[in-house]
PDB file of all heavy atoms in Angstrom:
ATOM      1  N   ASP A   1      -0.535 -15.189   8.444  1.00  0.00           N
ATOM      2  CA  ASP A   1      -0.356 -13.757   8.184  1.00  0.00           C
ATOM      3  C   ASP A   1       0.130 -13.584   6.744  1.00  0.00           C
ATOM      4  O   ASP A   1       1.327 -13.731   6.458  1.00  0.00           O
ATOM      5  CB  ASP A   1       0.655 -13.182   9.177  1.00  0.00           C
ATOM      6  CG  ASP A   1       0.810 -11.670   9.056  1.00  0.00           C
ATOM      7  OD1 ASP A   1       0.424 -11.110   8.006  1.00  0.00           O
ATOM      8  OD2 ASP A   1       1.340 -11.061  10.004  1.00  0.00           O
ATOM      9  N   LEU A   2      -0.781 -13.278   5.836  1.00  0.00           N
ATOM     10  CA  LEU A   2      -0.441 -13.200   4.414  1.00  0.00           C
ATOM     11  C   LEU A   2       0.509 -12.047   4.119  1.00  0.00           C
ATOM     12  O   LEU A   2       1.384 -12.162   3.252  1.00  0.00           O
ATOM     13  CB  LEU A   2      -1.719 -13.072   3.580  1.00  0.00           C
ATOM     14  CG  LEU A   2      -2.759 -14.190   3.742  1.00  0.00           C
ATOM     15  CD1 LEU A   2      -3.892 -14.018   2.728  1.00  0.00           C
ATOM     16  CD2 LEU A   2      -2.119 -15.565   3.597  1.00  0.00           C
ATOM     17  N   GLU A   3       0.336 -10.934   4.804  1.00  0.00           N
ATOM     18  CA  GLU A   3       1.225  -9.793   4.574  1.00  0.00           C
ATOM     19  C   GLU A   3       2.658 -10.142   4.960  1.00  0.00           C
ATOM     20  O   GLU A   3       3.604  -9.774   4.263  1.00  0.00           O
ATOM     21  CB  GLU A   3       0.736  -8.575   5.366  1.00  0.00           C
ATOM     22  CG  GLU A   3      -0.562  -7.968   4.818  1.00  0.00           C
ATOM     23  CD  GLU A   3      -0.920  -6.676   5.545  1.00  0.00           C
ATOM     24  OE1 GLU A   3      -0.145  -6.258   6.442  1.00  0.00           O
ATOM     25  OE2 GLU A   3      -1.965  -6.091   5.211  1.00  0.00           O
ATOM     26  N   ARG A   4       2.804 -10.851   6.078  1.00  0.00           N
ATOM     27  CA  ARG A   4       4.159 -11.263   6.492  1.00  0.00           C
ATOM     28  C   ARG A   4       4.775 -12.221   5.487  1.00  0.00           C
ATOM     29  O   ARG A   4       5.956 -12.083   5.119  1.00  0.00           O
ATOM     30  CB  ARG A   4       4.108 -11.935   7.866  1.00  0.00           C
ATOM     31  CG  ARG A   4       5.465 -12.533   8.294  1.00  0.00           C
ATOM     32  CD  ARG A   4       5.367 -13.378   9.543  1.00  0.00           C
ATOM     33  NE  ARG A   4       4.440 -14.488   9.419  1.00  0.00           N
ATOM     34  CZ  ARG A   4       4.700 -15.625   8.787  1.00  0.00           C
ATOM     35  NH1 ARG A   4       5.866 -15.815   8.183  1.00  0.00           N
ATOM     36  NH2 ARG A   4       3.795 -16.587   8.730  1.00  0.00           N
ATOM     37  N   ILE A   5       4.011 -13.199   5.012  1.00  0.00           N
ATOM     38  CA  ILE A   5       4.525 -14.161   4.046  1.00  0.00           C
ATOM     39  C   ILE A   5       4.955 -13.446   2.764  1.00  0.00           C
ATOM     40  O   ILE A   5       6.043 -13.695   2.231  1.00  0.00           O
ATOM     41  CB  ILE A   5       3.459 -15.235   3.739  1.00  0.00           C
ATOM     42  CG1 ILE A   5       3.228 -16.126   4.955  1.00  0.00           C
ATOM     43  CG2 ILE A   5       3.888 -16.084   2.536  1.00  0.00           C
ATOM     44  CD1 ILE A   5       2.085 -17.100   4.801  1.00  0.00           C
ATOM     45  N   GLU A   6       4.113 -12.532   2.281  1.00  0.00           N
ATOM     46  CA  GLU A   6       4.464 -11.801   1.058  1.00  0.00           C
ATOM     47  C   GLU A   6       5.715 -10.965   1.263  1.00  0.00           C
ATOM     48  O   GLU A   6       6.595 -10.915   0.388  1.00  0.00           O
ATOM     49  CB  GLU A   6       3.294 -10.905   0.630  1.00  0.00           C
ATOM     50  CG  GLU A   6       3.576 -10.135  -0.643  1.00  0.00           C
ATOM     51  CD  GLU A   6       2.352  -9.411  -1.185  1.00  0.00           C
ATOM     52  OE1 GLU A   6       1.243  -9.612  -0.647  1.00  0.00           O
ATOM     53  OE2 GLU A   6       2.508  -8.638  -2.163  1.00  0.00           O
ATOM     54  N   ARG A   7       5.846 -10.345   2.407  1.00  0.00           N
ATOM     55  CA  ARG A   7       7.023  -9.524   2.705  1.00  0.00           C
ATOM     56  C   ARG A   7       8.279 -10.386   2.778  1.00  0.00           C
ATOM     57  O   ARG A   7       9.338 -10.005   2.243  1.00  0.00           O
ATOM     58  CB  ARG A   7       6.806  -8.779   4.020  1.00  0.00           C
ATOM     59  CG  ARG A   7       7.944  -7.841   4.393  1.00  0.00           C
ATOM     60  CD  ARG A   7       7.577  -6.960   5.583  1.00  0.00           C
ATOM     61  NE  ARG A   7       7.261  -7.740   6.778  1.00  0.00           N
ATOM     62  CZ  ARG A   7       6.049  -7.901   7.284  1.00  0.00           C
ATOM     63  NH1 ARG A   7       5.000  -7.333   6.686  1.00  0.00           N
ATOM     64  NH2 ARG A   7       5.860  -8.615   8.387  1.00  0.00           N
ATOM     65  N   GLU A   8       8.176 -11.564   3.416  1.00  0.00           N
ATOM     66  CA  GLU A   8       9.340 -12.447   3.507  1.00  0.00           C
ATOM     67  C   GLU A   8       9.772 -12.950   2.132  1.00  0.00           C
ATOM     68  O   GLU A   8      10.968 -13.112   1.871  1.00  0.00           O
ATOM     69  CB  GLU A   8       9.027 -13.637   4.431  1.00  0.00           C
ATOM     70  CG  GLU A   8       8.994 -13.279   5.899  1.00  0.00           C
ATOM     71  CD  GLU A   8       8.960 -14.507   6.782  1.00  0.00           C
ATOM     72  OE1 GLU A   8       9.590 -15.520   6.429  1.00  0.00           O
ATOM     73  OE2 GLU A   8       8.305 -14.451   7.849  1.00  0.00           O
ATOM     74  N   ILE A   9       8.818 -13.198   1.258  1.00  0.00           N
ATOM     75  CA  ILE A   9       9.159 -13.633  -0.101  1.00  0.00           C
ATOM     76  C   ILE A   9       9.884 -12.522  -0.839  1.00  0.00           C
ATOM     77  O   ILE A   9      10.984 -12.711  -1.384  1.00  0.00           O
ATOM     78  CB  ILE A   9       7.895 -14.062  -0.867  1.00  0.00           C
ATOM     79  CG1 ILE A   9       7.291 -15.331  -0.273  1.00  0.00           C
ATOM     80  CG2 ILE A   9       8.228 -14.278  -2.350  1.00  0.00           C
ATOM     81  CD1 ILE A   9       5.937 -15.702  -0.850  1.00  0.00           C
ATOM     82  N   LYS A  10       9.297 -11.340  -0.862  1.00  0.00           N
ATOM     83  CA  LYS A  10       9.824 -10.251  -1.685  1.00  0.00           C
ATOM     84  C   LYS A  10      11.174  -9.730  -1.191  1.00  0.00           C
ATOM     85  O   LYS A  10      11.939  -9.144  -1.975  1.00  0.00           O
ATOM     86  CB  LYS A  10       8.812  -9.110  -1.744  1.00  0.00           C
ATOM     87  CG  LYS A  10       7.568  -9.446  -2.546  1.00  0.00           C
ATOM     88  CD  LYS A  10       6.633  -8.244  -2.674  1.00  0.00           C
ATOM     89  CE  LYS A  10       5.465  -8.547  -3.588  1.00  0.00           C
ATOM     90  NZ  LYS A  10       4.561  -7.376  -3.749  1.00  0.00           N
ATOM     91  N   THR A  11      11.484  -9.947   0.070  1.00  0.00           N
ATOM     92  CA  THR A  11      12.755  -9.439   0.608  1.00  0.00           C
ATOM     93  C   THR A  11      13.798 -10.540   0.768  1.00  0.00           C
ATOM     94  O   THR A  11      14.888 -10.282   1.296  1.00  0.00           O
ATOM     95  CB  THR A  11      12.520  -8.773   1.978  1.00  0.00           C
ATOM     96  OG1 THR A  11      11.943  -9.718   2.889  1.00  0.00           O
ATOM     97  CG2 THR A  11      11.604  -7.569   1.835  1.00  0.00           C
ATOM     98  N   MET A  12      13.512 -11.759   0.303  1.00  0.00           N
ATOM     99  CA  MET A  12      14.436 -12.878   0.478  1.00  0.00           C
ATOM    100  C   MET A  12      15.689 -12.667  -0.380  1.00  0.00           C
ATOM    101  O   MET A  12      15.610 -12.617  -1.606  1.00  0.00           O
ATOM    102  CB  MET A  12      13.752 -14.191   0.087  1.00  0.00           C
ATOM    103  CG  MET A  12      14.552 -15.433   0.449  1.00  0.00           C
ATOM    104  SD  MET A  12      13.739 -16.964  -0.098  1.00  0.00           S
ATOM    105  CE  MET A  12      12.206 -16.889   0.838  1.00  0.00           C
ATOM    106  N   PRO A  13      16.867 -12.552   0.245  1.00  0.00           N
ATOM    107  CA  PRO A  13      18.096 -12.339  -0.545  1.00  0.00           C
ATOM    108  C   PRO A  13      18.445 -13.564  -1.375  1.00  0.00           C
ATOM    109  O   PRO A  13      18.122 -14.691  -1.005  1.00  0.00           O
ATOM    110  CB  PRO A  13      19.156 -12.078   0.531  1.00  0.00           C
ATOM    111  CG  PRO A  13      18.617 -12.713   1.772  1.00  0.00           C
ATOM    112  CD  PRO A  13      17.133 -12.597   1.694  1.00  0.00           C
ATOM    113  N   ASN A  14      19.095 -13.317  -2.512  1.00  0.00           N
ATOM    114  CA  ASN A  14      19.538 -14.352  -3.462  1.00  0.00           C
ATOM    115  C   ASN A  14      18.388 -15.000  -4.219  1.00  0.00           C
ATOM    116  O   ASN A  14      18.628 -15.766  -5.156  1.00  0.00           O
ATOM    117  CB  ASN A  14      20.349 -15.452  -2.760  1.00  0.00           C
ATOM    118  CG  ASN A  14      21.594 -14.927  -2.095  1.00  0.00           C
ATOM    119  OD1 ASN A  14      22.306 -14.108  -2.659  1.00  0.00           O
ATOM    120  ND2 ASN A  14      21.857 -15.393  -0.882  1.00  0.00           N
ATOM    121  N   TYR A  15      17.162 -14.719  -3.850  1.00  0.00           N
ATOM    122  CA  TYR A  15      16.023 -15.340  -4.506  1.00  0.00           C
ATOM    123  C   TYR A  15      15.067 -14.303  -5.119  1.00  0.00           C
ATOM    124  O   TYR A  15      14.755 -14.376  -6.309  1.00  0.00           O
ATOM    125  CB  TYR A  15      15.259 -16.233  -3.519  1.00  0.00           C
ATOM    126  CG  TYR A  15      15.967 -17.530  -3.210  1.00  0.00           C
ATOM    127  CD1 TYR A  15      16.890 -17.606  -2.165  1.00  0.00           C
ATOM    128  CD2 TYR A  15      15.743 -18.671  -3.963  1.00  0.00           C
ATOM    129  CE1 TYR A  15      17.555 -18.788  -1.884  1.00  0.00           C
ATOM    130  CE2 TYR A  15      16.397 -19.869  -3.683  1.00  0.00           C
ATOM    131  CZ  TYR A  15      17.300 -19.920  -2.646  1.00  0.00           C
ATOM    132  OH  TYR A  15      17.952 -21.085  -2.380  1.00  0.00           O
ATOM    133  N   PHE A  16      14.598 -13.328  -4.311  1.00  0.00           N
ATOM    134  CA  PHE A  16      13.550 -12.434  -4.805  1.00  0.00           C
ATOM    135  C   PHE A  16      13.831 -10.941  -4.625  1.00  0.00           C
ATOM    136  O   PHE A  16      13.211 -10.119  -5.288  1.00  0.00           O
ATOM    137  CB  PHE A  16      12.221 -12.758  -4.104  1.00  0.00           C
ATOM    138  CG  PHE A  16      11.746 -14.162  -4.353  1.00  0.00           C
ATOM    139  CD1 PHE A  16      11.914 -15.144  -3.390  1.00  0.00           C
ATOM    140  CD2 PHE A  16      11.149 -14.505  -5.550  1.00  0.00           C
ATOM    141  CE1 PHE A  16      11.484 -16.445  -3.615  1.00  0.00           C
ATOM    142  CE2 PHE A  16      10.716 -15.801  -5.794  1.00  0.00           C
ATOM    143  CZ  PHE A  16      10.883 -16.771  -4.821  1.00  0.00           C
ATOM    144  N   SER A  17      14.756 -10.586  -3.748  1.00  0.00           N
ATOM    145  CA  SER A  17      14.918  -9.179  -3.400  1.00  0.00           C
ATOM    146  C   SER A  17      15.357  -8.312  -4.576  1.00  0.00           C
ATOM    147  O   SER A  17      15.086  -7.104  -4.585  1.00  0.00           O
ATOM    148  CB  SER A  17      15.913  -9.031  -2.240  1.00  0.00           C
ATOM    149  OG  SER A  17      17.176  -9.563  -2.585  1.00  0.00           O
ATOM    150  N   ASP A  18      16.007  -8.900  -5.572  1.00  0.00           N
ATOM    151  CA  ASP A  18      16.505  -8.119  -6.711  1.00  0.00           C
ATOM    152  C   ASP A  18      15.556  -8.119  -7.901  1.00  0.00           C
ATOM    153  O   ASP A  18      15.922  -7.633  -8.978  1.00  0.00           O
ATOM    154  CB  ASP A  18      17.868  -8.664  -7.166  1.00  0.00           C
ATOM    155  CG  ASP A  18      18.949  -8.451  -6.119  1.00  0.00           C
ATOM    156  OD1 ASP A  18      18.844  -7.485  -5.351  1.00  0.00           O
ATOM    157  OD2 ASP A  18      19.890  -9.258  -6.063  1.00  0.00           O
ATOM    158  N   TYR A  19      14.349  -8.643  -7.715  1.00  0.00           N
ATOM    159  CA  TYR A  19      13.411  -8.780  -8.843  1.00  0.00           C
ATOM    160  C   TYR A  19      12.068  -8.124  -8.520  1.00  0.00           C
ATOM    161  O   TYR A  19      11.679  -8.009  -7.356  1.00  0.00           O
ATOM    162  CB  TYR A  19      13.145 -10.261  -9.145  1.00  0.00           C
ATOM    163  CG  TYR A  19      14.367 -11.052  -9.537  1.00  0.00           C
ATOM    164  CD1 TYR A  19      15.193 -11.627  -8.563  1.00  0.00           C
ATOM    165  CD2 TYR A  19      14.710 -11.238 -10.874  1.00  0.00           C
ATOM    166  CE1 TYR A  19      16.313 -12.355  -8.909  1.00  0.00           C
ATOM    167  CE2 TYR A  19      15.827 -11.966 -11.228  1.00  0.00           C
ATOM    168  CZ  TYR A  19      16.628 -12.522 -10.250  1.00  0.00           C
ATOM    169  OH  TYR A  19      17.732 -13.247 -10.594  1.00  0.00           O
ATOM    170  N   ASP A  20      11.359  -7.728  -9.585  1.00  0.00           N
ATOM    171  CA  ASP A  20       9.963  -7.358  -9.433  1.00  0.00           C
ATOM    172  C   ASP A  20       9.184  -8.653  -9.253  1.00  0.00           C
ATOM    173  O   ASP A  20       9.126  -9.491 -10.165  1.00  0.00           O
ATOM    174  CB  ASP A  20       9.462  -6.597 -10.668  1.00  0.00           C
ATOM    175  CG  ASP A  20      10.060  -5.204 -10.763  1.00  0.00           C
ATOM    176  OD1 ASP A  20      10.408  -4.636  -9.710  1.00  0.00           O
ATOM    177  OD2 ASP A  20      10.187  -4.680 -11.886  1.00  0.00           O
ATOM    178  N   THR A  21       8.608  -8.822  -8.083  1.00  0.00           N
ATOM    179  CA  THR A  21       7.982 -10.085  -7.705  1.00  0.00           C
ATOM    180  C   THR A  21       6.519  -9.860  -7.367  1.00  0.00           C
ATOM    181  O   THR A  21       6.178  -8.944  -6.614  1.00  0.00           O
ATOM    182  CB  THR A  21       8.694 -10.702  -6.488  1.00  0.00           C
ATOM    183  OG1 THR A  21      10.074 -10.915  -6.804  1.00  0.00           O
ATOM    184  CG2 THR A  21       8.066 -12.018  -6.083  1.00  0.00           C
ATOM    185  N   THR A  22       5.647 -10.708  -7.919  1.00  0.00           N
ATOM    186  CA  THR A  22       4.237 -10.674  -7.558  1.00  0.00           C
ATOM    187  C   THR A  22       3.906 -11.948  -6.789  1.00  0.00           C
ATOM    188  O   THR A  22       4.381 -13.036  -7.127  1.00  0.00           O
ATOM    189  CB  THR A  22       3.330 -10.576  -8.796  1.00  0.00           C
ATOM    190  OG1 THR A  22       3.578 -11.698  -9.653  1.00  0.00           O
ATOM    191  CG2 THR A  22       3.587  -9.290  -9.562  1.00  0.00           C
ATOM    192  N   VAL A  23       3.094 -11.802  -5.753  1.00  0.00           N
ATOM    193  CA  VAL A  23       2.686 -12.933  -4.915  1.00  0.00           C
ATOM    194  C   VAL A  23       1.171 -13.035  -4.967  1.00  0.00           C
ATOM    195  O   VAL A  23       0.466 -12.076  -4.639  1.00  0.00           O
ATOM    196  CB  VAL A  23       3.159 -12.756  -3.459  1.00  0.00           C
ATOM    197  CG1 VAL A  23       2.672 -13.924  -2.598  1.00  0.00           C
ATOM    198  CG2 VAL A  23       4.676 -12.639  -3.400  1.00  0.00           C
ATOM    199  N   THR A  24       0.689 -14.195  -5.386  1.00  0.00           N
ATOM    200  CA  THR A  24      -0.749 -14.449  -5.459  1.00  0.00           C
ATOM    201  C   THR A  24      -1.083 -15.639  -4.580  1.00  0.00           C
ATOM    202  O   THR A  24      -0.509 -16.724  -4.743  1.00  0.00           O
ATOM    203  CB  THR A  24      -1.179 -14.749  -6.913  1.00  0.00           C
ATOM    204  OG1 THR A  24      -0.793 -13.651  -7.755  1.00  0.00           O
ATOM    205  CG2 THR A  24      -2.681 -14.959  -7.000  1.00  0.00           C
ATOM    206  N   PHE A  25      -1.993 -15.443  -3.642  1.00  0.00           N
ATOM    207  CA  PHE A  25      -2.403 -16.525  -2.754  1.00  0.00           C
ATOM    208  C   PHE A  25      -3.587 -17.264  -3.364  1.00  0.00           C
ATOM    209  O   PHE A  25      -4.575 -16.642  -3.787  1.00  0.00           O
ATOM    210  CB  PHE A  25      -2.761 -15.976  -1.370  1.00  0.00           C
ATOM    211  CG  PHE A  25      -1.569 -15.459  -0.612  1.00  0.00           C
ATOM    212  CD1 PHE A  25      -1.256 -14.106  -0.622  1.00  0.00           C
ATOM    213  CD2 PHE A  25      -0.742 -16.329   0.083  1.00  0.00           C
ATOM    214  CE1 PHE A  25      -0.151 -13.625   0.071  1.00  0.00           C
ATOM    215  CE2 PHE A  25       0.376 -15.859   0.769  1.00  0.00           C
ATOM    216  CZ  PHE A  25       0.670 -14.507   0.763  1.00  0.00           C
ATOM    217  N   ILE A  26      -3.463 -18.577  -3.450  1.00  0.00           N
ATOM    218  CA  ILE A  26      -4.490 -19.404  -4.059  1.00  0.00           C
ATOM    219  C   ILE A  26      -4.763 -20.610  -3.171  1.00  0.00           C
ATOM    220  O   ILE A  26      -4.043 -20.864  -2.207  1.00  0.00           O
ATOM    221  CB  ILE A  26      -4.079 -19.880  -5.479  1.00  0.00           C
ATOM    222  CG1 ILE A  26      -2.791 -20.722  -5.409  1.00  0.00           C
ATOM    223  CG2 ILE A  26      -3.911 -18.693  -6.419  1.00  0.00           C
ATOM    224  CD1 ILE A  26      -2.369 -21.302  -6.748  1.00  0.00           C
ATOM    225  N   SER A  27      -5.812 -21.345  -3.524  1.00  0.00           N
ATOM    226  CA  SER A  27      -6.149 -22.534  -2.755  1.00  0.00           C
ATOM    227  C   SER A  27      -5.306 -23.721  -3.201  1.00  0.00           C
ATOM    228  O   SER A  27      -4.703 -23.708  -4.284  1.00  0.00           O
ATOM    229  CB  SER A  27      -7.633 -22.870  -2.919  1.00  0.00           C
ATOM    230  OG  SER A  27      -7.883 -23.307  -4.254  1.00  0.00           O
ATOM    231  N   GLU A  28      -5.281 -24.766  -2.366  1.00  0.00           N
ATOM    232  CA  GLU A  28      -4.548 -25.972  -2.713  1.00  0.00           C
ATOM    233  C   GLU A  28      -5.141 -26.616  -3.964  1.00  0.00           C
ATOM    234  O   GLU A  28      -4.413 -27.159  -4.799  1.00  0.00           O
ATOM    235  CB  GLU A  28      -4.576 -26.953  -1.537  1.00  0.00           C
ATOM    236  CG  GLU A  28      -3.441 -27.943  -1.539  1.00  0.00           C
ATOM    237  CD  GLU A  28      -3.219 -28.593  -0.193  1.00  0.00           C
ATOM    238  OE1 GLU A  28      -3.992 -28.315   0.745  1.00  0.00           O
ATOM    239  OE2 GLU A  28      -2.257 -29.377  -0.080  1.00  0.00           O
TER     240      GLU A  28
END
């Protein structure tokens, strides 16, 4: 679930919640 993963990243406290964060999904 890419939307869930992006949401968990952007709302992660102490890491991303206080920043403008972009998430790009790419291949291995």
